[in-house]
PDB file of N, CA and C in Angstrom:
ATOM      1  N   UNK A   1      -1.742  34.324   6.430  1.00  0.00           N
ATOM      2  CA  UNK A   1      -2.213  32.981   6.708  1.00  0.00           C
ATOM      3  C   UNK A   1      -1.523  32.022   5.733  1.00  0.00           C
ATOM      4  N   UNK A   2      -0.905  30.939   6.247  1.00  0.00           N
ATOM      5  CA  UNK A   2      -0.219  29.982   5.387  1.00  0.00           C
ATOM      6  C   UNK A   2      -1.154  28.830   5.032  1.00  0.00           C
ATOM      7  N   UNK A   3      -0.917  28.261   3.867  1.00  0.00           N
ATOM      8  CA  UNK A   3      -1.750  27.149   3.399  1.00  0.00           C
ATOM      9  C   UNK A   3      -1.366  25.882   4.139  1.00  0.00           C
ATOM     10  N   UNK A   4      -2.351  25.042   4.402  1.00  0.00           N
ATOM     11  CA  UNK A   4      -2.094  23.757   5.044  1.00  0.00           C
ATOM     12  C   UNK A   4      -1.373  22.847   4.075  1.00  0.00           C
ATOM     13  N   UNK A   5      -0.428  22.092   4.585  1.00  0.00           N
ATOM     14  CA  UNK A   5       0.255  21.085   3.788  1.00  0.00           C
ATOM     15  C   UNK A   5      -0.501  19.786   3.984  1.00  0.00           C
ATOM     16  N   UNK A   6      -1.037  19.235   2.889  1.00  0.00           N
ATOM     17  CA  UNK A   6      -1.821  18.006   2.980  1.00  0.00           C
ATOM     18  C   UNK A   6      -1.296  16.975   1.998  1.00  0.00           C
ATOM     19  N   UNK A   7      -1.808  15.791   2.106  1.00  0.00           N
ATOM     20  CA  UNK A   7      -1.455  14.720   1.178  1.00  0.00           C
ATOM     21  C   UNK A   7      -0.007  14.310   1.308  1.00  0.00           C
ATOM     22  N   UNK A   8       0.591  13.904   0.207  1.00  0.00           N
ATOM     23  CA  UNK A   8       1.961  13.426   0.191  1.00  0.00           C
ATOM     24  C   UNK A   8       2.927  14.517   0.622  1.00  0.00           C
ATOM     25  N   UNK A   9       2.627  15.763   0.319  1.00  0.00           N
ATOM     26  CA  UNK A   9       3.512  16.868   0.695  1.00  0.00           C
ATOM     27  C   UNK A   9       3.708  16.938   2.200  1.00  0.00           C
ATOM     28  N   UNK A  10       2.725  16.526   2.979  1.00  0.00           N
ATOM     29  CA  UNK A  10       2.846  16.556   4.430  1.00  0.00           C
ATOM     30  C   UNK A  10       3.935  15.604   4.917  1.00  0.00           C
ATOM     31  N   UNK A  11       4.201  14.550   4.180  1.00  0.00           N
ATOM     32  CA  UNK A  11       5.212  13.581   4.577  1.00  0.00           C
ATOM     33  C   UNK A  11       6.604  13.987   4.122  1.00  0.00           C
ATOM     34  N   UNK A  12       6.698  14.863   3.131  1.00  0.00           N
ATOM     35  CA  UNK A  12       7.991  15.216   2.581  1.00  0.00           C
ATOM     36  C   UNK A  12       8.609  16.422   3.246  1.00  0.00           C
ATOM     37  N   UNK A  13       7.871  17.162   4.008  1.00  0.00           N
ATOM     38  CA  UNK A  13       8.393  18.350   4.674  1.00  0.00           C
ATOM     39  C   UNK A  13       8.599  18.057   6.150  1.00  0.00           C
ATOM     40  N   UNK A  14       9.837  18.165   6.605  1.00  0.00           N
ATOM     41  CA  UNK A  14      10.140  17.925   8.021  1.00  0.00           C
ATOM     42  C   UNK A  14       9.533  19.028   8.864  1.00  0.00           C
ATOM     43  N   UNK A  15       8.954  18.628   9.970  1.00  0.00           N
ATOM     44  CA  UNK A  15       8.385  19.601  10.884  1.00  0.00           C
ATOM     45  C   UNK A  15       7.040  20.137  10.445  1.00  0.00           C
ATOM     46  N   UNK A  16       6.460  19.564   9.398  1.00  0.00           N
ATOM     47  CA  UNK A  16       5.161  20.042   8.921  1.00  0.00           C
ATOM     48  C   UNK A  16       4.090  19.696   9.946  1.00  0.00           C
ATOM     49  N   UNK A  17       3.160  20.576  10.124  1.00  0.00           N
ATOM     50  CA  UNK A  17       2.071  20.356  11.063  1.00  0.00           C
ATOM     51  C   UNK A  17       1.082  19.409  10.429  1.00  0.00           C
ATOM     52  N   UNK A  18       0.675  18.391  11.182  1.00  0.00           N
ATOM     53  CA  UNK A  18      -0.307  17.440  10.686  1.00  0.00           C
ATOM     54  C   UNK A  18      -1.663  18.119  10.605  1.00  0.00           C
ATOM     55  N   UNK A  19      -2.416  17.914   9.519  1.00  0.00           N
ATOM     56  CA  UNK A  19      -3.738  18.515   9.420  1.00  0.00           C
ATOM     57  C   UNK A  19      -4.673  17.928  10.480  1.00  0.00           C
ATOM     58  N   UNK A  20      -5.570  18.753  10.967  1.00  0.00           N
ATOM     59  CA  UNK A  20      -6.524  18.290  11.961  1.00  0.00           C
ATOM     60  C   UNK A  20      -7.546  17.374  11.310  1.00  0.00           C
ATOM     61  N   UNK A  21      -8.069  16.436  12.085  1.00  0.00           N
ATOM     62  CA  UNK A  21      -9.097  15.527  11.590  1.00  0.00           C
ATOM     63  C   UNK A  21     -10.421  16.275  11.640  1.00  0.00           C
ATOM     64  N   UNK A  22     -11.078  16.355  10.498  1.00  0.00           N
ATOM     65  CA  UNK A  22     -12.354  17.065  10.433  1.00  0.00           C
ATOM     66  C   UNK A  22     -13.499  16.137  10.807  1.00  0.00           C
ATOM     67  N   UNK A  23     -14.633  16.714  11.042  1.00  0.00           N
ATOM     68  CA  UNK A  23     -15.822  15.922  11.360  1.00  0.00           C
ATOM     69  C   UNK A  23     -16.172  15.007  10.193  1.00  0.00           C
ATOM     70  N   UNK A  24     -15.942  15.472   8.965  1.00  0.00           N
ATOM     71  CA  UNK A  24     -16.238  14.653   7.785  1.00  0.00           C
ATOM     72  C   UNK A  24     -15.363  13.405   7.774  1.00  0.00           C
ATOM     73  N   UNK A  25     -14.090  13.546   8.130  1.00  0.00           N
ATOM     74  CA  UNK A  25     -13.198  12.398   8.167  1.00  0.00           C
ATOM     75  C   UNK A  25     -13.647  11.415   9.237  1.00  0.00           C
ATOM     76  N   UNK A  26     -14.042  11.929  10.386  1.00  0.00           N
ATOM     77  CA  UNK A  26     -14.512  11.055  11.453  1.00  0.00           C
ATOM     78  C   UNK A  26     -15.759  10.304  11.029  1.00  0.00           C
ATOM     79  N   UNK A  27     -16.656  10.956  10.267  1.00  0.00           N
ATOM     80  CA  UNK A  27     -17.850  10.288   9.772  1.00  0.00           C
ATOM     81  C   UNK A  27     -17.482   9.151   8.830  1.00  0.00           C
ATOM     82  N   UNK A  28     -16.489   9.378   7.973  1.00  0.00           N
ATOM     83  CA  UNK A  28     -16.072   8.329   7.046  1.00  0.00           C
ATOM     84  C   UNK A  28     -15.518   7.138   7.805  1.00  0.00           C
ATOM     85  N   UNK A  29     -14.732   7.407   8.839  1.00  0.00           N
ATOM     86  CA  UNK A  29     -14.155   6.313   9.608  1.00  0.00           C
ATOM     87  C   UNK A  29     -15.213   5.544  10.386  1.00  0.00           C
ATOM     88  N   UNK A  30     -16.318   6.195  10.740  1.00  0.00           N
ATOM     89  CA  UNK A  30     -17.338   5.528  11.536  1.00  0.00           C
ATOM     90  C   UNK A  30     -18.267   4.657  10.692  1.00  0.00           C
ATOM     91  N   UNK A  31     -18.061   4.624   9.386  1.00  0.00           N
ATOM     92  CA  UNK A  31     -18.837   3.719   8.559  1.00  0.00           C
ATOM     93  C   UNK A  31     -19.841   4.385   7.649  1.00  0.00           C
ATOM     94  N   UNK A  32     -19.994   5.701   7.723  1.00  0.00           N
ATOM     95  CA  UNK A  32     -20.974   6.354   6.864  1.00  0.00           C
ATOM     96  C   UNK A  32     -20.401   6.707   5.505  1.00  0.00           C
ATOM     97  N   UNK A  33     -19.087   6.710   5.376  1.00  0.00           N
ATOM     98  CA  UNK A  33     -18.434   7.091   4.126  1.00  0.00           C
ATOM     99  C   UNK A  33     -17.744   5.922   3.478  1.00  0.00           C
ATOM    100  N   UNK A  34     -16.706   6.236   2.737  1.00  0.00           N
ATOM    101  CA  UNK A  34     -15.931   5.250   2.011  1.00  0.00           C
ATOM    102  C   UNK A  34     -15.234   4.298   2.983  1.00  0.00           C
ATOM    103  N   UNK A  35     -15.207   3.044   2.647  1.00  0.00           N
ATOM    104  CA  UNK A  35     -14.554   2.042   3.477  1.00  0.00           C
ATOM    105  C   UNK A  35     -13.257   1.608   2.812  1.00  0.00           C
ATOM    106  N   UNK A  36     -12.130   1.987   3.392  1.00  0.00           N
ATOM    107  CA  UNK A  36     -10.846   1.604   2.826  1.00  0.00           C
ATOM    108  C   UNK A  36     -10.049   0.856   3.880  1.00  0.00           C
ATOM    109  N   UNK A  37      -9.570  -0.315   3.499  1.00  0.00           N
ATOM    110  CA  UNK A  37      -8.727  -1.146   4.367  1.00  0.00           C
ATOM    111  C   UNK A  37      -9.407  -1.476   5.684  1.00  0.00           C
ATOM    112  N   UNK A  38     -10.677  -1.782   5.649  1.00  0.00           N
ATOM    113  CA  UNK A  38     -11.421  -2.120   6.865  1.00  0.00           C
ATOM    114  C   UNK A  38     -11.636  -3.624   7.013  1.00  0.00           C
ATOM    115  N   UNK A  39     -11.526  -4.368   5.922  1.00  0.00           N
ATOM    116  CA  UNK A  39     -11.791  -5.808   5.966  1.00  0.00           C
ATOM    117  C   UNK A  39     -10.517  -6.577   6.299  1.00  0.00           C
ATOM    118  N   UNK A  40     -10.666  -7.856   6.501  1.00  0.00           N
ATOM    119  CA  UNK A  40      -9.544  -8.724   6.854  1.00  0.00           C
ATOM    120  C   UNK A  40      -8.506  -8.789   5.730  1.00  0.00           C
ATOM    121  N   UNK A  41      -8.960  -8.854   4.474  1.00  0.00           N
ATOM    122  CA  UNK A  41      -8.062  -8.881   3.326  1.00  0.00           C
ATOM    123  C   UNK A  41      -8.194  -7.545   2.596  1.00  0.00           C
ATOM    124  N   UNK A  42      -7.055  -6.918   2.313  1.00  0.00           N
ATOM    125  CA  UNK A  42      -7.035  -5.607   1.670  1.00  0.00           C
ATOM    126  C   UNK A  42      -6.417  -5.752   0.284  1.00  0.00           C
ATOM    127  N   UNK A  43      -7.084  -5.225  -0.733  1.00  0.00           N
ATOM    128  CA  UNK A  43      -6.569  -5.268  -2.098  1.00  0.00           C
ATOM    129  C   UNK A  43      -5.499  -4.193  -2.264  1.00  0.00           C
ATOM    130  N   UNK A  44      -4.517  -4.479  -3.096  1.00  0.00           N
ATOM    131  CA  UNK A  44      -3.407  -3.567  -3.335  1.00  0.00           C
ATOM    132  C   UNK A  44      -3.165  -3.497  -4.831  1.00  0.00           C
ATOM    133  N   UNK A  45      -2.980  -2.303  -5.345  1.00  0.00           N
ATOM    134  CA  UNK A  45      -2.715  -2.125  -6.771  1.00  0.00           C
ATOM    135  C   UNK A  45      -1.248  -1.806  -6.971  1.00  0.00           C
ATOM    136  N   UNK A  46      -0.629  -2.468  -7.935  1.00  0.00           N
ATOM    137  CA  UNK A  46       0.748  -2.185  -8.325  1.00  0.00           C
ATOM    138  C   UNK A  46       0.721  -1.818  -9.800  1.00  0.00           C
ATOM    139  N   UNK A  47       1.310  -0.709 -10.130  1.00  0.00           N
ATOM    140  CA  UNK A  47       1.337  -0.262 -11.524  1.00  0.00           C
ATOM    141  C   UNK A  47       2.695  -0.594 -12.144  1.00  0.00           C
ATOM    142  N   UNK A  48       2.656  -1.268 -13.289  1.00  0.00           N
ATOM    143  CA  UNK A  48       3.864  -1.659 -14.008  1.00  0.00           C
ATOM    144  C   UNK A  48       3.730  -1.276 -15.471  1.00  0.00           C
ATOM    145  N   UNK A  49       4.841  -1.043 -16.114  1.00  0.00           N
ATOM    146  CA  UNK A  49       4.839  -0.901 -17.566  1.00  0.00           C
ATOM    147  C   UNK A  49       4.398  -2.240 -18.144  1.00  0.00           C
ATOM    148  N   UNK A  50       3.737  -2.211 -19.276  1.00  0.00           N
ATOM    149  CA  UNK A  50       3.248  -3.453 -19.872  1.00  0.00           C
ATOM    150  C   UNK A  50       4.379  -4.457 -20.067  1.00  0.00           C
ATOM    151  N   UNK A  51       5.533  -3.998 -20.541  1.00  0.00           N
ATOM    152  CA  UNK A  51       6.655  -4.913 -20.765  1.00  0.00           C
ATOM    153  C   UNK A  51       7.111  -5.556 -19.458  1.00  0.00           C
ATOM    154  N   UNK A  52       7.085  -4.810 -18.352  1.00  0.00           N
ATOM    155  CA  UNK A  52       7.467  -5.365 -17.056  1.00  0.00           C
ATOM    156  C   UNK A  52       6.410  -6.341 -16.550  1.00  0.00           C
ATOM    157  N   UNK A  53       5.131  -6.019 -16.791  1.00  0.00           N
ATOM    158  CA  UNK A  53       4.061  -6.942 -16.409  1.00  0.00           C
ATOM    159  C   UNK A  53       4.206  -8.248 -17.185  1.00  0.00           C
ATOM    160  N   UNK A  54       4.543  -8.164 -18.484  1.00  0.00           N
ATOM    161  CA  UNK A  54       4.706  -9.374 -19.289  1.00  0.00           C
ATOM    162  C   UNK A  54       5.827 -10.242 -18.734  1.00  0.00           C
ATOM    163  N   UNK A  55       6.939  -9.610 -18.321  1.00  0.00           N
ATOM    164  CA  UNK A  55       8.039 -10.361 -17.706  1.00  0.00           C
ATOM    165  C   UNK A  55       7.576 -11.032 -16.417  1.00  0.00           C
ATOM    166  N   UNK A  56       6.860 -10.291 -15.589  1.00  0.00           N
ATOM    167  CA  UNK A  56       6.365 -10.829 -14.330  1.00  0.00           C
ATOM    168  C   UNK A  56       5.391 -11.982 -14.562  1.00  0.00           C
ATOM    169  N   UNK A  57       4.488 -11.792 -15.511  1.00  0.00           N
ATOM    170  CA  UNK A  57       3.515 -12.830 -15.843  1.00  0.00           C
ATOM    171  C   UNK A  57       4.222 -14.097 -16.330  1.00  0.00           C
ATOM    172  N   UNK A  58       5.219 -13.931 -17.191  1.00  0.00           N
ATOM    173  CA  UNK A  58       5.960 -15.077 -17.719  1.00  0.00           C
ATOM    174  C   UNK A  58       6.685 -15.812 -16.595  1.00  0.00           C
ATOM    175  N   UNK A  59       7.268 -15.067 -15.658  1.00  0.00           N
ATOM    176  CA  UNK A  59       7.937 -15.687 -14.513  1.00  0.00           C
ATOM    177  C   UNK A  59       6.940 -16.484 -13.677  1.00  0.00           C
ATOM    178  N   UNK A  60       5.786 -15.887 -13.427  1.00  0.00           N
ATOM    179  CA  UNK A  60       4.757 -16.582 -12.641  1.00  0.00           C
ATOM    180  C   UNK A  60       4.334 -17.877 -13.328  1.00  0.00           C
ATOM    181  N   UNK A  61       4.129 -17.815 -14.631  1.00  0.00           N
ATOM    182  CA  UNK A  61       3.735 -19.015 -15.385  1.00  0.00           C
ATOM    183  C   UNK A  61       4.845 -20.063 -15.321  1.00  0.00           C
ATOM    184  N   UNK A  62       6.083 -19.645 -15.545  1.00  0.00           N
ATOM    185  CA  UNK A  62       7.185 -20.609 -15.555  1.00  0.00           C
ATOM    186  C   UNK A  62       7.426 -21.218 -14.173  1.00  0.00           C
ATOM    187  N   UNK A  63       7.124 -20.471 -13.108  1.00  0.00           N
ATOM    188  CA  UNK A  63       7.276 -20.983 -11.744  1.00  0.00           C
ATOM    189  C   UNK A  63       6.041 -21.745 -11.281  1.00  0.00           C
ATOM    190  N   UNK A  64       4.950 -21.663 -12.055  1.00  0.00           N
ATOM    191  CA  UNK A  64       3.719 -22.348 -11.687  1.00  0.00           C
ATOM    192  C   UNK A  64       3.048 -21.736 -10.464  1.00  0.00           C
ATOM    193  N   UNK A  65       3.157 -20.426 -10.345  1.00  0.00           N
ATOM    194  CA  UNK A  65       2.535 -19.743  -9.215  1.00  0.00           C
ATOM    195  C   UNK A  65       1.893 -18.442  -9.686  1.00  0.00           C
ATOM    196  N   UNK A  66       1.095 -17.863  -8.820  1.00  0.00           N
ATOM    197  CA  UNK A  66       0.409 -16.625  -9.172  1.00  0.00           C
ATOM    198  C   UNK A  66       1.316 -15.421  -8.945  1.00  0.00           C
ATOM    199  N   UNK A  67       0.963 -14.313  -9.584  1.00  0.00           N
ATOM    200  CA  UNK A  67       1.677 -13.059  -9.347  1.00  0.00           C
ATOM    201  C   UNK A  67       1.529 -12.674  -7.874  1.00  0.00           C
ATOM    202  N   UNK A  68       0.373 -12.942  -7.293  1.00  0.00           N
ATOM    203  CA  UNK A  68       0.140 -12.687  -5.868  1.00  0.00           C
ATOM    204  C   UNK A  68       1.184 -13.417  -5.019  1.00  0.00           C
ATOM    205  N   UNK A  69       1.389 -14.696  -5.305  1.00  0.00           N
ATOM    206  CA  UNK A  69       2.358 -15.484  -4.541  1.00  0.00           C
ATOM    207  C   UNK A  69       3.776 -14.959  -4.724  1.00  0.00           C
ATOM    208  N   UNK A  70       4.116 -14.591  -5.953  1.00  0.00           N
ATOM    209  CA  UNK A  70       5.437 -14.015  -6.199  1.00  0.00           C
ATOM    210  C   UNK A  70       5.626 -12.713  -5.427  1.00  0.00           C
ATOM    211  N   UNK A  71       4.600 -11.867  -5.409  1.00  0.00           N
ATOM    212  CA  UNK A  71       4.686 -10.585  -4.706  1.00  0.00           C
ATOM    213  C   UNK A  71       4.882 -10.797  -3.210  1.00  0.00           C
ATOM    214  N   UNK A  72       4.115 -11.713  -2.618  1.00  0.00           N
ATOM    215  CA  UNK A  72       4.243 -11.980  -1.182  1.00  0.00           C
ATOM    216  C   UNK A  72       5.627 -12.554  -0.888  1.00  0.00           C
ATOM    217  N   UNK A  73       6.102 -13.414  -1.754  1.00  0.00           N
ATOM    218  CA  UNK A  73       7.437 -13.987  -1.585  1.00  0.00           C
ATOM    219  C   UNK A  73       8.513 -12.896  -1.593  1.00  0.00           C
ATOM    220  N   UNK A  74       8.384 -11.977  -2.549  1.00  0.00           N
ATOM    221  CA  UNK A  74       9.337 -10.872  -2.638  1.00  0.00           C
ATOM    222  C   UNK A  74       9.265  -9.942  -1.445  1.00  0.00           C
ATOM    223  N   UNK A  75       8.056  -9.632  -1.011  1.00  0.00           N
ATOM    224  CA  UNK A  75       7.893  -8.773   0.166  1.00  0.00           C
ATOM    225  C   UNK A  75       8.442  -9.459   1.407  1.00  0.00           C
ATOM    226  N   UNK A  76       8.244 -10.762   1.520  1.00  0.00           N
ATOM    227  CA  UNK A  76       8.791 -11.493   2.653  1.00  0.00           C
ATOM    228  C   UNK A  76      10.315 -11.429   2.673  1.00  0.00           C
ATOM    229  N   UNK A  77      10.923 -11.476   1.520  1.00  0.00           N
ATOM    230  CA  UNK A  77      12.388 -11.364   1.455  1.00  0.00           C
ATOM    231  C   UNK A  77      12.841  -9.997   1.965  1.00  0.00           C
ATOM    232  N   UNK A  78      12.129  -8.941   1.582  1.00  0.00           N
ATOM    233  CA  UNK A  78      12.463  -7.593   2.065  1.00  0.00           C
ATOM    234  C   UNK A  78      12.332  -7.540   3.590  1.00  0.00           C
ATOM    235  N   UNK A  79      11.240  -8.091   4.114  1.00  0.00           N
ATOM    236  CA  UNK A  79      11.032  -8.089   5.558  1.00  0.00           C
ATOM    237  C   UNK A  79      12.137  -8.853   6.285  1.00  0.00           C
ATOM    238  N   UNK A  80      12.457 -10.056   5.815  1.00  0.00           N
ATOM    239  CA  UNK A  80      13.474 -10.858   6.500  1.00  0.00           C
ATOM    240  C   UNK A  80      14.861 -10.228   6.368  1.00  0.00           C
ATOM    241  N   UNK A  81      15.154  -9.583   5.238  1.00  0.00           N
ATOM    242  CA  UNK A  81      16.429  -8.890   5.084  1.00  0.00           C
ATOM    243  C   UNK A  81      16.588  -7.780   6.117  1.00  0.00           C
ATOM    244  N   UNK A  82      15.467  -7.214   6.552  1.00  0.00           N
ATOM    245  CA  UNK A  82      15.481  -6.145   7.545  1.00  0.00           C
ATOM    246  C   UNK A  82      15.279  -6.672   8.967  1.00  0.00           C
ATOM    247  N   UNK A  83      15.252  -8.000   9.107  1.00  0.00           N
ATOM    248  CA  UNK A  83      15.101  -8.605  10.428  1.00  0.00           C
ATOM    249  C   UNK A  83      13.697  -8.529  10.982  1.00  0.00           C
ATOM    250  N   UNK A  84      12.721  -8.379  10.101  1.00  0.00           N
ATOM    251  CA  UNK A  84      11.322  -8.283  10.512  1.00  0.00           C
ATOM    252  C   UNK A  84      10.601  -9.592  10.238  1.00  0.00           C
ATOM    253  N   UNK A  85       9.503  -9.869  10.947  1.00  0.00           N
ATOM    254  CA  UNK A  85       8.748 -11.092  10.684  1.00  0.00           C
ATOM    255  C   UNK A  85       8.106 -11.065   9.297  1.00  0.00           C
ATOM    256  N   UNK A  86       7.952 -12.242   8.723  1.00  0.00           N
ATOM    257  CA  UNK A  86       7.333 -12.381   7.406  1.00  0.00           C
ATOM    258  C   UNK A  86       5.848 -12.040   7.466  1.00  0.00           C
ATOM    259  N   UNK A  87       5.304 -11.761   6.286  1.00  0.00           N
ATOM    260  CA  UNK A  87       3.872 -11.570   6.154  1.00  0.00           C
ATOM    261  C   UNK A  87       3.168 -12.917   6.255  1.00  0.00           C
ATOM    262  N   UNK A  88       1.924 -12.915   6.678  1.00  0.00           N
ATOM    263  CA  UNK A  88       1.115 -14.137   6.673  1.00  0.00           C
ATOM    264  C   UNK A  88       0.770 -14.451   5.235  1.00  0.00           C
ATOM    265  N   UNK A  89       0.859 -15.694   4.854  1.00  0.00           N
ATOM    266  CA  UNK A  89       0.561 -16.050   3.460  1.00  0.00           C
ATOM    267  C   UNK A  89      -0.807 -16.639   3.313  1.00  0.00           C
TER     268      UNK A  89
END
């Protein structure tokens, strides 16, 4: 019997069988469990080295905008470079 490939490993192996959705997962999706990305606005965490965060913070201050605005601006550039529509701001 082979072990199921789950989590990030499932995405890195070509031809890997997707794990079946369990009853517990279905219960979580129906509202009895953890609620992730269900609301209109979804929070996102970005991890940076402190020195990189300081650079980003200084840029935001010097531009007179929030780190949130800078991030959306940068993501929009990636989307448009790939010929995709921009994110809603």
